[in-house]
Amino acid sequence: MSHPPHDTRRRTSRTALAVAAALVTALAGAACSSTKNDTATTTTTAAHTSATGLTQDECVSRTPGEVMTADEAKVLFDATQICPTFVTINPGTQVTFDNRDPQSHTVTILAGASQTGQVLEEHTLEPGTTWVRAFPDAGQYTFKVDHFPSIGVVQVEPVNSSAASSSTAA
């Protein structure tokens, strides 16, 4: 079965609209709530994007071990996909979980790299909302979205102090 080509203008327009909405929300600081617990700081931002699903341009794959900044560490999901499913960050970096589905979904963070780890935190995201969670300690964490049978991994890599020392000495 052949699929029609994607309308590039519509995809670009949706992406630009989502980026603009995210910037407006970030600048305005509207509708945010934060909580601090023993493991992380979390922030929820309400209705910063429209729950219109993901485009291929938004699903950026990373090689496991490729360290992401907070701007890059975004886990997007809708009714059919999660991307990326592997996120590598340094301690303290925030990961944004973004619900692009028109349904509410629960994101669960577990200790370790399996579905049987201790539940560290769960958060329900309404359509078009995000949840930002910092991962302060090195190690592996599992994340799962309630309607997907598969899991994702957040790998928190310790900062290489010898590499940092040699770069500052140069």
N, C-alpha and C. Protein backbone atom coordinates (compact mmCIF):
# COMPACT_ATOMS: atom_id res chain seq x y z
N MET A 1 0.83 -1.17 0.00
CA MET A 1 0.00 0.00 0.00
C MET A 1 0.88 1.24 0.00
N SER A 2 0.64 2.14 -0.87
CA SER A 2 1.43 3.36 -1.02
C SER A 2 0.84 4.46 -0.16
N HIS A 3 1.70 5.24 0.48
CA HIS A 3 1.26 6.35 1.30
C HIS A 3 1.55 7.65 0.57
N PRO A 4 0.63 8.61 0.66
CA PRO A 4 0.89 9.89 0.00
C PRO A 4 2.04 10.62 0.67
N PRO A 5 2.78 11.44 -0.07
CA PRO A 5 3.89 12.18 0.53
C PRO A 5 3.36 13.17 1.58
N HIS A 6 4.20 13.46 2.58
CA HIS A 6 3.82 14.40 3.64
C HIS A 6 3.79 15.81 3.07
N ASP A 7 2.87 16.60 3.55
CA ASP A 7 2.80 18.00 3.18
C ASP A 7 3.82 18.75 4.02
N THR A 8 4.96 19.10 3.41
CA THR A 8 6.08 19.72 4.12
C THR A 8 5.66 21.05 4.74
N ARG A 9 4.84 21.81 4.04
CA ARG A 9 4.42 23.11 4.58
C ARG A 9 3.61 22.93 5.86
N ARG A 10 2.70 21.97 5.90
CA ARG A 10 1.88 21.73 7.08
C ARG A 10 2.75 21.26 8.23
N ARG A 11 3.71 20.36 7.97
CA ARG A 11 4.60 19.85 9.01
C ARG A 11 5.46 20.98 9.56
N THR A 12 6.01 21.81 8.68
CA THR A 12 6.85 22.93 9.11
C THR A 12 6.02 23.93 9.91
N SER A 13 4.80 24.19 9.47
CA SER A 13 3.92 25.12 10.17
C SER A 13 3.59 24.60 11.56
N ARG A 14 3.27 23.29 11.68
CA ARG A 14 2.97 22.70 12.99
C ARG A 14 4.17 22.78 13.91
N THR A 15 5.35 22.48 13.37
CA THR A 15 6.57 22.52 14.18
C THR A 15 6.84 23.94 14.65
N ALA A 16 6.73 24.91 13.75
CA ALA A 16 6.97 26.31 14.11
C ALA A 16 5.96 26.77 15.15
N LEU A 17 4.71 26.36 15.02
CA LEU A 17 3.68 26.73 15.99
C LEU A 17 4.00 26.13 17.36
N ALA A 18 4.41 24.87 17.39
CA ALA A 18 4.75 24.21 18.67
C ALA A 18 5.94 24.90 19.32
N VAL A 19 6.96 25.24 18.53
CA VAL A 19 8.15 25.92 19.07
C VAL A 19 7.77 27.30 19.60
N ALA A 20 6.96 28.03 18.86
CA ALA A 20 6.54 29.36 19.30
C ALA A 20 5.73 29.27 20.59
N ALA A 21 4.84 28.31 20.69
CA ALA A 21 4.04 28.14 21.90
C ALA A 21 4.92 27.80 23.09
N ALA A 22 5.92 26.94 22.88
CA ALA A 22 6.83 26.57 23.96
C ALA A 22 7.64 27.78 24.43
N LEU A 23 8.09 28.62 23.49
CA LEU A 23 8.86 29.81 23.85
C LEU A 23 8.01 30.81 24.62
N VAL A 24 6.77 31.01 24.19
CA VAL A 24 5.88 31.93 24.88
C VAL A 24 5.65 31.46 26.31
N THR A 25 5.40 30.17 26.47
CA THR A 25 5.18 29.64 27.81
C THR A 25 6.41 29.76 28.67
N ALA A 26 7.57 29.46 28.10
CA ALA A 26 8.81 29.56 28.87
C ALA A 26 9.07 30.99 29.31
N LEU A 27 8.83 31.95 28.42
CA LEU A 27 9.07 33.34 28.75
C LEU A 27 8.05 33.87 29.74
N ALA A 28 6.82 33.48 29.60
CA ALA A 28 5.77 33.97 30.47
C ALA A 28 5.78 33.27 31.82
N GLY A 29 6.29 32.03 31.85
CA GLY A 29 6.30 31.27 33.09
C GLY A 29 4.89 30.93 33.57
N ALA A 30 3.96 30.86 32.62
CA ALA A 30 2.56 30.64 32.97
C ALA A 30 2.28 29.20 33.31
N ALA A 31 1.37 29.03 34.22
CA ALA A 31 0.79 27.72 34.57
C ALA A 31 1.81 26.67 34.95
N CYS A 32 2.81 27.04 35.71
CA CYS A 32 3.83 26.07 36.13
C CYS A 32 3.67 25.74 37.60
N SER A 33 3.97 24.49 37.92
CA SER A 33 4.02 24.09 39.32
C SER A 33 5.25 23.22 39.50
N SER A 34 5.89 23.34 40.65
CA SER A 34 7.10 22.57 40.90
C SER A 34 6.98 21.85 42.23
N THR A 35 7.64 20.69 42.30
CA THR A 35 7.75 19.97 43.56
C THR A 35 9.18 19.50 43.68
N LYS A 36 9.64 19.39 44.92
CA LYS A 36 10.99 18.88 45.14
C LYS A 36 10.86 17.68 46.06
N ASN A 37 11.49 16.55 45.65
CA ASN A 37 11.51 15.38 46.50
C ASN A 37 12.95 14.92 46.64
N ASP A 38 13.16 13.76 47.24
CA ASP A 38 14.52 13.29 47.48
C ASP A 38 15.31 13.01 46.21
N THR A 39 14.64 12.74 45.11
CA THR A 39 15.36 12.32 43.92
C THR A 39 15.41 13.34 42.80
N ALA A 40 14.50 14.31 42.77
CA ALA A 40 14.47 15.18 41.60
C ALA A 40 13.61 16.40 41.84
N THR A 41 13.77 17.38 40.97
CA THR A 41 12.87 18.51 40.91
C THR A 41 12.02 18.32 39.67
N THR A 42 10.72 18.50 39.83
CA THR A 42 9.83 18.34 38.68
C THR A 42 9.05 19.61 38.45
N THR A 43 8.74 19.87 37.21
CA THR A 43 7.94 21.02 36.83
C THR A 43 6.95 20.57 35.78
N THR A 44 5.71 20.99 35.91
CA THR A 44 4.69 20.68 34.92
C THR A 44 4.26 21.99 34.27
N THR A 45 4.21 21.99 32.96
CA THR A 45 3.75 23.16 32.22
C THR A 45 2.47 22.78 31.50
N ALA A 46 1.42 23.54 31.71
CA ALA A 46 0.12 23.20 31.13
C ALA A 46 -0.03 23.80 29.74
N ALA A 47 -0.56 22.97 28.86
CA ALA A 47 -1.03 23.37 27.53
C ALA A 47 -0.07 24.26 26.77
N HIS A 48 1.19 23.87 26.67
CA HIS A 48 2.12 24.68 25.89
C HIS A 48 2.17 24.25 24.44
N THR A 49 1.68 23.07 24.14
CA THR A 49 1.66 22.62 22.75
C THR A 49 0.28 22.09 22.44
N SER A 50 -0.02 21.97 21.18
CA SER A 50 -1.26 21.31 20.82
C SER A 50 -0.97 19.83 20.72
N ALA A 51 -1.92 19.02 21.11
CA ALA A 51 -1.74 17.57 21.09
C ALA A 51 -2.08 17.04 19.69
N THR A 52 -1.17 17.29 18.76
CA THR A 52 -1.43 16.95 17.37
C THR A 52 -0.61 15.78 16.87
N GLY A 53 0.14 15.13 17.73
CA GLY A 53 0.98 14.02 17.29
C GLY A 53 2.36 14.51 16.90
N LEU A 54 3.21 13.55 16.57
CA LEU A 54 4.61 13.83 16.25
C LEU A 54 4.84 13.79 14.75
N THR A 55 5.82 14.56 14.32
CA THR A 55 6.25 14.49 12.94
C THR A 55 7.62 13.80 12.90
N GLN A 56 8.01 13.31 11.76
CA GLN A 56 9.31 12.66 11.61
C GLN A 56 10.45 13.61 11.97
N ASP A 57 10.30 14.90 11.68
CA ASP A 57 11.34 15.88 11.97
C ASP A 57 11.58 16.02 13.47
N GLU A 58 10.55 15.79 14.28
CA GLU A 58 10.69 15.95 15.72
C GLU A 58 11.35 14.76 16.39
N CYS A 59 11.30 13.61 15.77
CA CYS A 59 11.83 12.38 16.37
C CYS A 59 13.30 12.23 16.01
N VAL A 60 14.14 12.79 16.85
CA VAL A 60 15.58 12.76 16.63
C VAL A 60 16.17 11.60 17.41
N SER A 61 16.82 10.69 16.71
CA SER A 61 17.46 9.56 17.37
C SER A 61 18.86 9.94 17.82
N ARG A 62 19.25 9.39 18.94
CA ARG A 62 20.59 9.61 19.48
C ARG A 62 21.25 8.25 19.67
N THR A 63 22.54 8.23 19.56
CA THR A 63 23.31 7.03 19.84
C THR A 63 23.44 6.90 21.35
N PRO A 64 23.17 5.70 21.90
CA PRO A 64 23.38 5.55 23.35
C PRO A 64 24.80 5.99 23.72
N GLY A 65 24.91 6.80 24.75
CA GLY A 65 26.19 7.33 25.18
C GLY A 65 26.43 8.75 24.71
N GLU A 66 25.69 9.23 23.72
CA GLU A 66 25.82 10.60 23.24
C GLU A 66 25.10 11.52 24.23
N VAL A 67 25.87 12.29 25.01
CA VAL A 67 25.31 13.11 26.08
C VAL A 67 24.52 14.27 25.50
N MET A 68 23.31 14.45 26.03
CA MET A 68 22.42 15.52 25.59
C MET A 68 22.41 16.65 26.61
N THR A 69 22.16 17.85 26.13
CA THR A 69 21.93 18.99 27.01
C THR A 69 20.45 18.96 27.41
N ALA A 70 20.07 19.83 28.35
CA ALA A 70 18.66 19.92 28.76
C ALA A 70 17.78 20.33 27.57
N ASP A 71 18.31 21.17 26.68
CA ASP A 71 17.53 21.57 25.50
C ASP A 71 17.28 20.40 24.56
N GLU A 72 18.21 19.45 24.51
CA GLU A 72 18.09 18.30 23.62
C GLU A 72 17.37 17.12 24.28
N ALA A 73 17.38 17.05 25.60
CA ALA A 73 16.84 15.90 26.31
C ALA A 73 15.33 16.01 26.44
N LYS A 74 14.65 15.71 25.35
CA LYS A 74 13.19 15.78 25.30
C LYS A 74 12.67 14.43 24.84
N VAL A 75 11.74 13.87 25.60
CA VAL A 75 11.08 12.62 25.23
C VAL A 75 9.67 12.99 24.80
N LEU A 76 9.39 12.81 23.52
CA LEU A 76 8.09 13.14 22.96
C LEU A 76 7.30 11.86 22.75
N PHE A 77 6.00 11.91 22.97
CA PHE A 77 5.18 10.73 22.69
C PHE A 77 3.78 11.13 22.27
N ASP A 78 3.19 10.26 21.46
CA ASP A 78 1.79 10.38 21.06
C ASP A 78 1.19 8.99 21.13
N ALA A 79 0.12 8.74 20.43
CA ALA A 79 -0.56 7.45 20.50
C ALA A 79 0.23 6.32 19.85
N THR A 80 1.18 6.64 18.97
CA THR A 80 1.86 5.60 18.20
C THR A 80 3.36 5.47 18.43
N GLN A 81 3.99 6.46 19.05
CA GLN A 81 5.46 6.39 19.18
C GLN A 81 5.98 7.19 20.37
N ILE A 82 7.16 6.77 20.81
CA ILE A 82 7.94 7.50 21.81
C ILE A 82 9.29 7.76 21.16
N CYS A 83 9.79 8.98 21.27
CA CYS A 83 11.13 9.24 20.74
C CYS A 83 11.81 10.35 21.54
N PRO A 84 13.06 10.18 21.85
CA PRO A 84 13.83 8.95 21.71
C PRO A 84 13.52 8.01 22.88
N THR A 85 13.95 6.77 22.76
CA THR A 85 13.74 5.81 23.84
C THR A 85 15.01 5.63 24.67
N PHE A 86 16.09 6.30 24.29
CA PHE A 86 17.33 6.25 25.07
C PHE A 86 17.87 7.66 25.16
N VAL A 87 18.03 8.14 26.39
CA VAL A 87 18.52 9.50 26.64
C VAL A 87 19.75 9.39 27.53
N THR A 88 20.85 10.01 27.13
CA THR A 88 22.06 10.05 27.94
C THR A 88 22.31 11.50 28.35
N ILE A 89 22.44 11.71 29.67
CA ILE A 89 22.64 13.06 30.20
C ILE A 89 23.69 13.02 31.30
N ASN A 90 24.12 14.19 31.73
CA ASN A 90 24.99 14.33 32.90
C ASN A 90 24.12 14.56 34.13
N PRO A 91 24.64 14.28 35.33
CA PRO A 91 23.87 14.49 36.56
C PRO A 91 23.33 15.92 36.65
N GLY A 92 22.07 16.03 37.09
CA GLY A 92 21.43 17.32 37.26
C GLY A 92 20.71 17.84 36.03
N THR A 93 20.93 17.20 34.88
CA THR A 93 20.27 17.65 33.65
C THR A 93 18.79 17.30 33.71
N GLN A 94 17.98 18.20 33.22
CA GLN A 94 16.54 17.97 33.18
C GLN A 94 16.14 17.31 31.88
N VAL A 95 15.19 16.38 31.98
CA VAL A 95 14.59 15.73 30.82
C VAL A 95 13.13 16.17 30.75
N THR A 96 12.69 16.60 29.57
CA THR A 96 11.31 17.01 29.37
C THR A 96 10.53 15.88 28.73
N PHE A 97 9.41 15.51 29.33
CA PHE A 97 8.49 14.52 28.78
C PHE A 97 7.30 15.30 28.23
N ASP A 98 7.00 15.12 26.95
CA ASP A 98 6.04 15.95 26.24
C ASP A 98 4.92 15.09 25.65
N ASN A 99 3.70 15.23 26.16
CA ASN A 99 2.54 14.46 25.68
C ASN A 99 1.92 15.15 24.47
N ARG A 100 2.13 14.58 23.30
CA ARG A 100 1.57 15.12 22.06
C ARG A 100 0.30 14.38 21.64
N ASP A 101 -0.22 13.52 22.51
CA ASP A 101 -1.41 12.74 22.22
C ASP A 101 -2.64 13.50 22.73
N PRO A 102 -3.79 13.33 22.10
CA PRO A 102 -5.00 14.00 22.60
C PRO A 102 -5.59 13.31 23.85
N GLN A 103 -4.93 12.30 24.37
CA GLN A 103 -5.35 11.61 25.59
C GLN A 103 -4.34 11.87 26.71
N SER A 104 -4.79 11.79 27.96
CA SER A 104 -3.89 11.87 29.11
C SER A 104 -3.09 10.58 29.21
N HIS A 105 -1.82 10.69 29.67
CA HIS A 105 -0.98 9.52 29.87
C HIS A 105 -0.11 9.72 31.10
N THR A 106 0.23 8.59 31.74
CA THR A 106 1.08 8.61 32.92
C THR A 106 2.48 8.16 32.54
N VAL A 107 3.47 8.96 32.94
CA VAL A 107 4.87 8.62 32.76
C VAL A 107 5.38 8.14 34.12
N THR A 108 6.04 6.99 34.13
CA THR A 108 6.57 6.42 35.36
C THR A 108 8.09 6.35 35.26
N ILE A 109 8.78 6.80 36.30
CA ILE A 109 10.24 6.71 36.38
C ILE A 109 10.57 5.61 37.39
N LEU A 110 11.40 4.65 36.97
CA LEU A 110 11.81 3.54 37.84
C LEU A 110 13.31 3.55 38.01
N ALA A 111 13.77 3.07 39.17
CA ALA A 111 15.20 2.92 39.41
C ALA A 111 15.70 1.74 38.60
N GLY A 112 16.88 1.87 38.00
CA GLY A 112 17.47 0.77 37.23
C GLY A 112 16.96 0.75 35.81
N ALA A 113 17.43 -0.27 35.08
CA ALA A 113 17.13 -0.34 33.64
C ALA A 113 16.17 -1.49 33.34
N SER A 114 15.13 -1.64 34.16
CA SER A 114 14.14 -2.69 33.86
C SER A 114 12.77 -2.24 34.35
N GLN A 115 11.75 -2.95 33.90
CA GLN A 115 10.38 -2.62 34.30
C GLN A 115 10.08 -3.04 35.73
N THR A 116 11.00 -3.74 36.39
CA THR A 116 10.76 -4.23 37.74
C THR A 116 11.44 -3.36 38.80
N GLY A 117 12.05 -2.26 38.41
CA GLY A 117 12.72 -1.39 39.37
C GLY A 117 11.73 -0.67 40.27
N GLN A 118 12.26 -0.10 41.35
CA GLN A 118 11.44 0.66 42.29
C GLN A 118 10.88 1.90 41.60
N VAL A 119 9.59 2.15 41.79
CA VAL A 119 8.96 3.35 41.22
C VAL A 119 9.46 4.56 42.00
N LEU A 120 10.11 5.47 41.29
CA LEU A 120 10.62 6.69 41.91
C LEU A 120 9.61 7.82 41.82
N GLU A 121 8.88 7.86 40.71
CA GLU A 121 7.93 8.95 40.51
C GLU A 121 7.01 8.60 39.35
N GLU A 122 5.76 9.03 39.47
CA GLU A 122 4.79 8.91 38.38
C GLU A 122 4.15 10.28 38.20
N HIS A 123 3.84 10.58 36.95
CA HIS A 123 3.21 11.87 36.68
C HIS A 123 2.25 11.71 35.50
N THR A 124 1.03 12.19 35.67
CA THR A 124 0.04 12.14 34.59
C THR A 124 0.10 13.45 33.82
N LEU A 125 0.27 13.31 32.52
CA LEU A 125 0.31 14.48 31.64
C LEU A 125 -0.99 14.56 30.85
N GLU A 126 -1.61 15.70 30.93
CA GLU A 126 -2.80 15.96 30.14
C GLU A 126 -2.36 16.21 28.70
N PRO A 127 -3.28 16.14 27.74
CA PRO A 127 -2.90 16.40 26.34
C PRO A 127 -2.21 17.76 26.18
N GLY A 128 -1.11 17.76 25.45
CA GLY A 128 -0.40 19.00 25.15
C GLY A 128 0.40 19.57 26.30
N THR A 129 0.68 18.78 27.34
CA THR A 129 1.47 19.30 28.47
C THR A 129 2.81 18.59 28.56
N THR A 130 3.70 19.20 29.33
CA THR A 130 5.03 18.62 29.54
C THR A 130 5.28 18.43 31.02
N TRP A 131 6.24 17.57 31.30
CA TRP A 131 6.73 17.36 32.67
C TRP A 131 8.24 17.37 32.58
N VAL A 132 8.88 18.19 33.41
CA VAL A 132 10.33 18.30 33.41
C VAL A 132 10.85 17.68 34.70
N ARG A 133 11.78 16.75 34.55
CA ARG A 133 12.34 16.06 35.73
C ARG A 133 13.85 16.07 35.65
N ALA A 134 14.49 16.50 36.74
CA ALA A 134 15.95 16.46 36.83
C ALA A 134 16.37 15.10 37.36
N PHE A 135 17.51 14.63 36.90
CA PHE A 135 18.10 13.38 37.35
C PHE A 135 19.44 13.72 37.99
N PRO A 136 19.47 13.90 39.33
CA PRO A 136 20.68 14.41 39.98
C PRO A 136 21.80 13.40 40.15
N ASP A 137 21.47 12.10 40.13
CA ASP A 137 22.49 11.09 40.43
C ASP A 137 22.80 10.23 39.22
N ALA A 138 24.11 9.87 39.09
CA ALA A 138 24.53 8.99 38.01
C ALA A 138 23.85 7.62 38.16
N GLY A 139 23.59 6.97 37.03
CA GLY A 139 22.97 5.65 37.04
C GLY A 139 21.99 5.50 35.90
N GLN A 140 21.29 4.38 35.89
CA GLN A 140 20.28 4.13 34.86
C GLN A 140 18.90 4.21 35.48
N TYR A 141 17.99 4.81 34.73
CA TYR A 141 16.60 4.94 35.12
C TYR A 141 15.76 4.47 33.95
N THR A 142 14.63 3.86 34.26
CA THR A 142 13.70 3.43 33.22
C THR A 142 12.53 4.40 33.22
N PHE A 143 12.03 4.72 32.02
CA PHE A 143 10.77 5.45 31.95
C PHE A 143 9.82 4.66 31.09
N LYS A 144 8.55 4.73 31.45
CA LYS A 144 7.53 4.10 30.62
C LYS A 144 6.31 5.00 30.58
N VAL A 145 5.65 4.93 29.45
CA VAL A 145 4.41 5.66 29.24
C VAL A 145 3.30 4.62 29.26
N ASP A 146 2.25 4.89 30.01
CA ASP A 146 1.26 3.87 30.33
C ASP A 146 0.70 3.07 29.16
N HIS A 147 0.57 3.62 27.98
CA HIS A 147 -0.07 2.88 26.89
C HIS A 147 0.92 2.13 26.00
N PHE A 148 2.21 2.20 26.31
CA PHE A 148 3.22 1.49 25.53
C PHE A 148 3.73 0.28 26.31
N PRO A 149 3.88 -0.86 25.63
CA PRO A 149 4.42 -2.03 26.33
C PRO A 149 5.94 -1.94 26.53
N SER A 150 6.62 -1.15 25.71
CA SER A 150 8.07 -1.05 25.80
C SER A 150 8.47 0.06 26.76
N ILE A 151 9.76 0.10 27.09
CA ILE A 151 10.29 1.07 28.03
C ILE A 151 11.36 1.92 27.36
N GLY A 152 11.73 3.01 28.02
CA GLY A 152 12.86 3.83 27.60
C GLY A 152 13.85 3.91 28.74
N VAL A 153 15.05 4.38 28.44
CA VAL A 153 16.10 4.46 29.44
C VAL A 153 16.70 5.86 29.47
N VAL A 154 16.90 6.36 30.68
CA VAL A 154 17.68 7.58 30.90
C VAL A 154 18.97 7.11 31.55
N GLN A 155 20.08 7.31 30.85
CA GLN A 155 21.41 6.96 31.36
C GLN A 155 22.06 8.26 31.83
N VAL A 156 22.34 8.34 33.13
CA VAL A 156 22.98 9.53 33.69
C VAL A 156 24.46 9.19 33.88
N GLU A 157 25.28 9.79 33.03
CA GLU A 157 26.72 9.53 33.02
C GLU A 157 27.43 10.51 33.94
N PRO A 158 28.30 10.02 34.81
CA PRO A 158 29.05 10.95 35.65
C PRO A 158 29.95 11.82 34.77
N VAL A 159 30.14 13.05 35.20
CA VAL A 159 31.03 13.95 34.46
C VAL A 159 32.46 13.47 34.66
N ASN A 160 33.20 13.37 33.57
CA ASN A 160 34.58 12.91 33.62
C ASN A 160 35.44 14.05 34.15
N SER A 161 35.82 13.96 35.43
CA SER A 161 36.56 15.06 36.05
C SER A 161 37.96 15.23 35.47
N SER A 162 38.60 14.15 35.00
CA SER A 162 39.93 14.30 34.41
C SER A 162 39.86 15.02 33.07
N ALA A 163 38.79 14.78 32.29
CA ALA A 163 38.63 15.48 31.02
C ALA A 163 38.32 16.95 31.28
N ALA A 164 37.50 17.22 32.32
CA ALA A 164 37.19 18.60 32.65
C ALA A 164 38.44 19.33 33.13
N SER A 165 39.29 18.67 33.92
CA SER A 165 40.51 19.30 34.41
C SER A 165 41.48 19.60 33.29
N SER A 166 41.61 18.67 32.34
CA SER A 166 42.56 18.90 31.24
C SER A 166 42.07 19.99 30.31
N SER A 167 40.75 20.12 30.14
CA SER A 167 40.27 21.17 29.24
C SER A 167 40.40 22.54 29.88
N THR A 168 40.29 22.63 31.22
CA THR A 168 40.46 23.93 31.86
C THR A 168 41.93 24.30 32.00
N ALA A 169 42.81 23.32 31.99
CA ALA A 169 44.23 23.60 32.12
C ALA A 169 44.83 24.09 30.81
N ALA A 170 44.19 23.82 29.69
CA ALA A 170 44.72 24.18 28.38
C ALA A 170 44.67 25.65 28.10
